[in-house]
Amino acid sequence: MGKKILLAILMKKIETLLEAATYAEAGAFEIARETLKKEGHKTDKEVFMYAENLRKRLGAELEVLYVIRPDDEQLLEKKQLRSRLIPNVIFSIGNLEEEIIKYIRRHKDIIFTIVSKKDIKNLIERYNQLNCPLVIISS
């Protein structure tokens, strides 16, 4: 079992996800990943760069968990995007903090999680129970 880093992101623009899914369905996985990276603002890009640099230095795999708000769930179901379209990218629906905790409990090979400070509120005290370091990026 290899080392994995979890990068958790709250998806704000469902349109970005749909655009990335179109590329992924056509087999253009790298373009799909780049499309997802441009979602959000400067902090999101910095978080991606930080995660990618750590992944390279540690020789780890990067898993990206995109969490979509429940009010966007119907649109996702219409577009049948609940499955894994892009390698190492997971889409989930719900509260970002809850989805991170559920993911860590199911995947014991995660060595730490990276998240943007703007996307979390109450994660720190609950996360301590998981025995997995949390890296919070702020700008």
C-alpha atoms as a PDB file:
ATOM      1  CA  MET A   1       0.000   0.000   0.000  1.00  0.00           C
ATOM      2  CA  GLY A   2       1.548   3.323  -1.123  1.00  0.00           C
ATOM      3  CA  LYS A   3       1.503   6.653   0.621  1.00  0.00           C
ATOM      4  CA  LYS A   4      -1.347   8.981  -0.285  1.00  0.00           C
ATOM      5  CA  ILE A   5      -2.027  12.648   0.351  1.00  0.00           C
ATOM      6  CA  LEU A   6      -5.649  13.791   0.436  1.00  0.00           C
ATOM      7  CA  LEU A   7      -6.419  17.243  -0.965  1.00  0.00           C
ATOM      8  CA  ALA A   8      -9.973  18.240  -0.008  1.00  0.00           C
ATOM      9  CA  ILE A   9     -11.750  21.038  -1.853  1.00  0.00           C
ATOM     10  CA  LEU A  10     -15.236  22.482  -1.575  1.00  0.00           C
ATOM     11  CA  MET A  11     -16.593  22.744  -5.127  1.00  0.00           C
ATOM     12  CA  LYS A  12     -18.210  26.131  -5.582  1.00  0.00           C
ATOM     13  CA  LYS A  13     -18.988  26.194  -9.290  1.00  0.00           C
ATOM     14  CA  ILE A  14     -20.844  23.165 -10.600  1.00  0.00           C
ATOM     15  CA  GLU A  15     -20.193  24.408 -14.150  1.00  0.00           C
ATOM     16  CA  THR A  16     -16.465  23.819 -13.653  1.00  0.00           C
ATOM     17  CA  LEU A  17     -17.191  20.215 -12.682  1.00  0.00           C
ATOM     18  CA  LEU A  18     -19.365  19.706 -15.761  1.00  0.00           C
ATOM     19  CA  GLU A  19     -16.655  21.126 -18.021  1.00  0.00           C
ATOM     20  CA  ALA A  20     -14.036  18.827 -16.458  1.00  0.00           C
ATOM     21  CA  ALA A  21     -16.364  15.840 -16.821  1.00  0.00           C
ATOM     22  CA  THR A  22     -16.718  16.535 -20.538  1.00  0.00           C
ATOM     23  CA  TYR A  23     -12.943  16.408 -20.960  1.00  0.00           C
ATOM     24  CA  ALA A  24     -12.681  13.273 -18.823  1.00  0.00           C
ATOM     25  CA  GLU A  25     -15.356  11.453 -20.820  1.00  0.00           C
ATOM     26  CA  ALA A  26     -13.343  12.204 -23.966  1.00  0.00           C
ATOM     27  CA  GLY A  27     -10.243  10.720 -22.319  1.00  0.00           C
ATOM     28  CA  ALA A  28      -8.494  14.079 -21.834  1.00  0.00           C
ATOM     29  CA  PHE A  29      -7.748  13.495 -18.140  1.00  0.00           C
ATOM     30  CA  GLU A  30      -4.930  16.038 -17.858  1.00  0.00           C
ATOM     31  CA  ILE A  31      -7.120  18.805 -19.329  1.00  0.00           C
ATOM     32  CA  ALA A  32      -9.903  17.762 -16.943  1.00  0.00           C
ATOM     33  CA  ARG A  33      -7.524  18.082 -13.966  1.00  0.00           C
ATOM     34  CA  GLU A  34      -6.330  21.504 -15.155  1.00  0.00           C
ATOM     35  CA  THR A  35      -9.940  22.636 -15.531  1.00  0.00           C
ATOM     36  CA  LEU A  36     -10.654  21.649 -11.926  1.00  0.00           C
ATOM     37  CA  LYS A  37      -7.523  23.431 -10.711  1.00  0.00           C
ATOM     38  CA  LYS A  38      -8.674  26.770 -12.092  1.00  0.00           C
ATOM     39  CA  GLU A  39     -11.831  26.612  -9.955  1.00  0.00           C
ATOM     40  CA  GLY A  40     -11.900  29.239  -7.259  1.00  0.00           C
ATOM     41  CA  HIS A  41      -9.392  31.943  -6.536  1.00  0.00           C
ATOM     42  CA  LYS A  42      -5.715  32.362  -5.719  1.00  0.00           C
ATOM     43  CA  THR A  43      -5.878  30.341  -2.486  1.00  0.00           C
ATOM     44  CA  ASP A  44      -7.200  27.262  -4.309  1.00  0.00           C
ATOM     45  CA  LYS A  45      -4.338  27.413  -6.802  1.00  0.00           C
ATOM     46  CA  GLU A  46      -1.810  27.788  -3.971  1.00  0.00           C
ATOM     47  CA  VAL A  47      -3.300  24.765  -2.209  1.00  0.00           C
ATOM     48  CA  PHE A  48      -2.961  22.705  -5.401  1.00  0.00           C
ATOM     49  CA  MET A  49       0.648  23.775  -5.894  1.00  0.00           C
ATOM     50  CA  TYR A  50       1.497  22.993  -2.259  1.00  0.00           C
ATOM     51  CA  ALA A  51      -0.097  19.545  -2.529  1.00  0.00           C
ATOM     52  CA  GLU A  52       1.615  18.786  -5.826  1.00  0.00           C
ATOM     53  CA  ASN A  53       5.037  19.829  -4.506  1.00  0.00           C
ATOM     54  CA  LEU A  54       4.635  17.686  -1.383  1.00  0.00           C
ATOM     55  CA  ARG A  55       3.469  14.750  -3.464  1.00  0.00           C
ATOM     56  CA  LYS A  56       6.615  14.923  -5.570  1.00  0.00           C
ATOM     57  CA  ARG A  57       8.966  15.302  -2.593  1.00  0.00           C
ATOM     58  CA  LEU A  58       7.407  12.430  -0.671  1.00  0.00           C
ATOM     59  CA  GLY A  59       6.894  10.163  -3.655  1.00  0.00           C
ATOM     60  CA  ALA A  60       3.241   9.879  -2.694  1.00  0.00           C
ATOM     61  CA  GLU A  61       0.046   9.654  -4.682  1.00  0.00           C
ATOM     62  CA  LEU A  62      -2.327  12.638  -4.579  1.00  0.00           C
ATOM     63  CA  GLU A  63      -6.020  11.930  -4.067  1.00  0.00           C
ATOM     64  CA  VAL A  64      -8.307  14.919  -4.634  1.00  0.00           C
ATOM     65  CA  LEU A  65     -11.676  14.939  -2.879  1.00  0.00           C
ATOM     66  CA  TYR A  66     -14.106  17.452  -4.363  1.00  0.00           C
ATOM     67  CA  VAL A  67     -17.153  17.962  -2.199  1.00  0.00           C
ATOM     68  CA  ILE A  68     -20.303  19.320  -3.795  1.00  0.00           C
ATOM     69  CA  ARG A  69     -23.022  20.979  -1.765  1.00  0.00           C
ATOM     70  CA  PRO A  70     -26.223  18.937  -1.387  1.00  0.00           C
ATOM     71  CA  ASP A  71     -28.275  21.536  -3.298  1.00  0.00           C
ATOM     72  CA  ASP A  72     -26.263  20.683  -6.455  1.00  0.00           C
ATOM     73  CA  GLU A  73     -26.936  16.941  -6.104  1.00  0.00           C
ATOM     74  CA  GLN A  74     -29.886  16.841  -8.526  1.00  0.00           C
ATOM     75  CA  LEU A  75     -27.826  18.401 -11.285  1.00  0.00           C
ATOM     76  CA  LEU A  76     -25.080  15.850 -10.689  1.00  0.00           C
ATOM     77  CA  GLU A  77     -27.516  12.957 -10.897  1.00  0.00           C
ATOM     78  CA  LYS A  78     -28.934  14.299 -14.163  1.00  0.00           C
ATOM     79  CA  LYS A  79     -25.454  14.422 -15.620  1.00  0.00           C
ATOM     80  CA  GLN A  80     -24.554  11.029 -14.081  1.00  0.00           C
ATOM     81  CA  LEU A  81     -21.369  12.423 -12.572  1.00  0.00           C
ATOM     82  CA  ARG A  82     -21.385  10.578  -9.301  1.00  0.00           C
ATOM     83  CA  SER A  83     -18.896   8.005 -10.542  1.00  0.00           C
ATOM     84  CA  ARG A  84     -15.165   8.485 -10.641  1.00  0.00           C
ATOM     85  CA  LEU A  85     -14.467  10.185 -13.967  1.00  0.00           C
ATOM     86  CA  ILE A  86     -10.891  11.311 -13.504  1.00  0.00           C
ATOM     87  CA  PRO A  87      -8.160   9.090 -12.015  1.00  0.00           C
ATOM     88  CA  ASN A  88      -7.348  10.026  -8.385  1.00  0.00           C
ATOM     89  CA  VAL A  89     -10.271  12.482  -8.247  1.00  0.00           C
ATOM     90  CA  ILE A  90     -13.247  11.635  -6.057  1.00  0.00           C
ATOM     91  CA  PHE A  91     -16.536  13.522  -6.044  1.00  0.00           C
ATOM     92  CA  SER A  92     -18.729  13.498  -2.974  1.00  0.00           C
ATOM     93  CA  ILE A  93     -21.892  15.301  -1.937  1.00  0.00           C
ATOM     94  CA  GLY A  94     -22.353  16.844   1.492  1.00  0.00           C
ATOM     95  CA  ASN A  95     -20.502  18.864   4.091  1.00  0.00           C
ATOM     96  CA  LEU A  96     -16.760  19.156   3.375  1.00  0.00           C
ATOM     97  CA  GLU A  97     -15.714  18.467   6.964  1.00  0.00           C
ATOM     98  CA  GLU A  98     -17.924  15.364   7.246  1.00  0.00           C
ATOM     99  CA  GLU A  99     -16.782  14.025   3.878  1.00  0.00           C
ATOM    100  CA  ILE A 100     -13.104  14.410   4.816  1.00  0.00           C
ATOM    101  CA  ILE A 101     -13.625  12.474   8.043  1.00  0.00           C
ATOM    102  CA  LYS A 102     -15.564   9.698   6.272  1.00  0.00           C
ATOM    103  CA  TYR A 103     -12.893   9.421   3.587  1.00  0.00           C
ATOM    104  CA  ILE A 104     -10.023   9.219   6.104  1.00  0.00           C
ATOM    105  CA  ARG A 105     -11.819   6.511   8.090  1.00  0.00           C
ATOM    106  CA  ARG A 106     -12.231   4.400   4.937  1.00  0.00           C
ATOM    107  CA  HIS A 107      -8.711   4.969   3.575  1.00  0.00           C
ATOM    108  CA  LYS A 108      -6.008   4.167   6.109  1.00  0.00           C
ATOM    109  CA  ASP A 109      -3.222   4.866   3.597  1.00  0.00           C
ATOM    110  CA  ILE A 110      -3.698   8.661   3.753  1.00  0.00           C
ATOM    111  CA  ILE A 111      -0.591  10.157   5.412  1.00  0.00           C
ATOM    112  CA  PHE A 112      -2.065  13.658   5.735  1.00  0.00           C
ATOM    113  CA  THR A 113      -4.819  15.918   4.417  1.00  0.00           C
ATOM    114  CA  ILE A 114      -4.455  19.364   2.866  1.00  0.00           C
ATOM    115  CA  VAL A 115      -7.337  21.825   2.959  1.00  0.00           C
ATOM    116  CA  SER A 116      -7.836  25.555   2.508  1.00  0.00           C
ATOM    117  CA  LYS A 117      -8.635  27.466   5.697  1.00  0.00           C
ATOM    118  CA  LYS A 118     -11.515  29.238   3.956  1.00  0.00           C
ATOM    119  CA  ASP A 119     -13.294  25.907   3.380  1.00  0.00           C
ATOM    120  CA  ILE A 120     -13.337  24.587   6.951  1.00  0.00           C
ATOM    121  CA  LYS A 121     -14.745  25.727  10.270  1.00  0.00           C
ATOM    122  CA  ASN A 122     -14.990  22.970  12.857  1.00  0.00           C
ATOM    123  CA  LEU A 123     -12.754  20.306  11.399  1.00  0.00           C
ATOM    124  CA  ILE A 124      -9.696  20.703  13.615  1.00  0.00           C
ATOM    125  CA  GLU A 125     -11.112  19.425  16.909  1.00  0.00           C
ATOM    126  CA  ARG A 126     -12.895  16.480  15.248  1.00  0.00           C
ATOM    127  CA  TYR A 127      -9.930  15.661  13.036  1.00  0.00           C
ATOM    128  CA  ASN A 128      -7.626  15.033  16.000  1.00  0.00           C
ATOM    129  CA  GLN A 129      -9.420  11.724  16.596  1.00  0.00           C
ATOM    130  CA  LEU A 130      -8.355  10.363  13.196  1.00  0.00           C
ATOM    131  CA  ASN A 131      -4.591  10.054  13.723  1.00  0.00           C
ATOM    132  CA  CYS A 132      -3.883  11.751  10.395  1.00  0.00           C
ATOM    133  CA  PRO A 133      -2.113  15.132  10.200  1.00  0.00           C
ATOM    134  CA  LEU A 134      -4.080  18.068   8.804  1.00  0.00           C
ATOM    135  CA  VAL A 135      -2.338  20.790   6.779  1.00  0.00           C
ATOM    136  CA  ILE A 136      -4.353  24.010   6.586  1.00  0.00           C
ATOM    137  CA  ILE A 137      -3.358  26.530   3.918  1.00  0.00           C
ATOM    138  CA  SER A 138      -4.333  30.156   4.417  1.00  0.00           C
ATOM    139  CA  SER A 139      -3.693  33.292   2.389  1.00  0.00           C
END
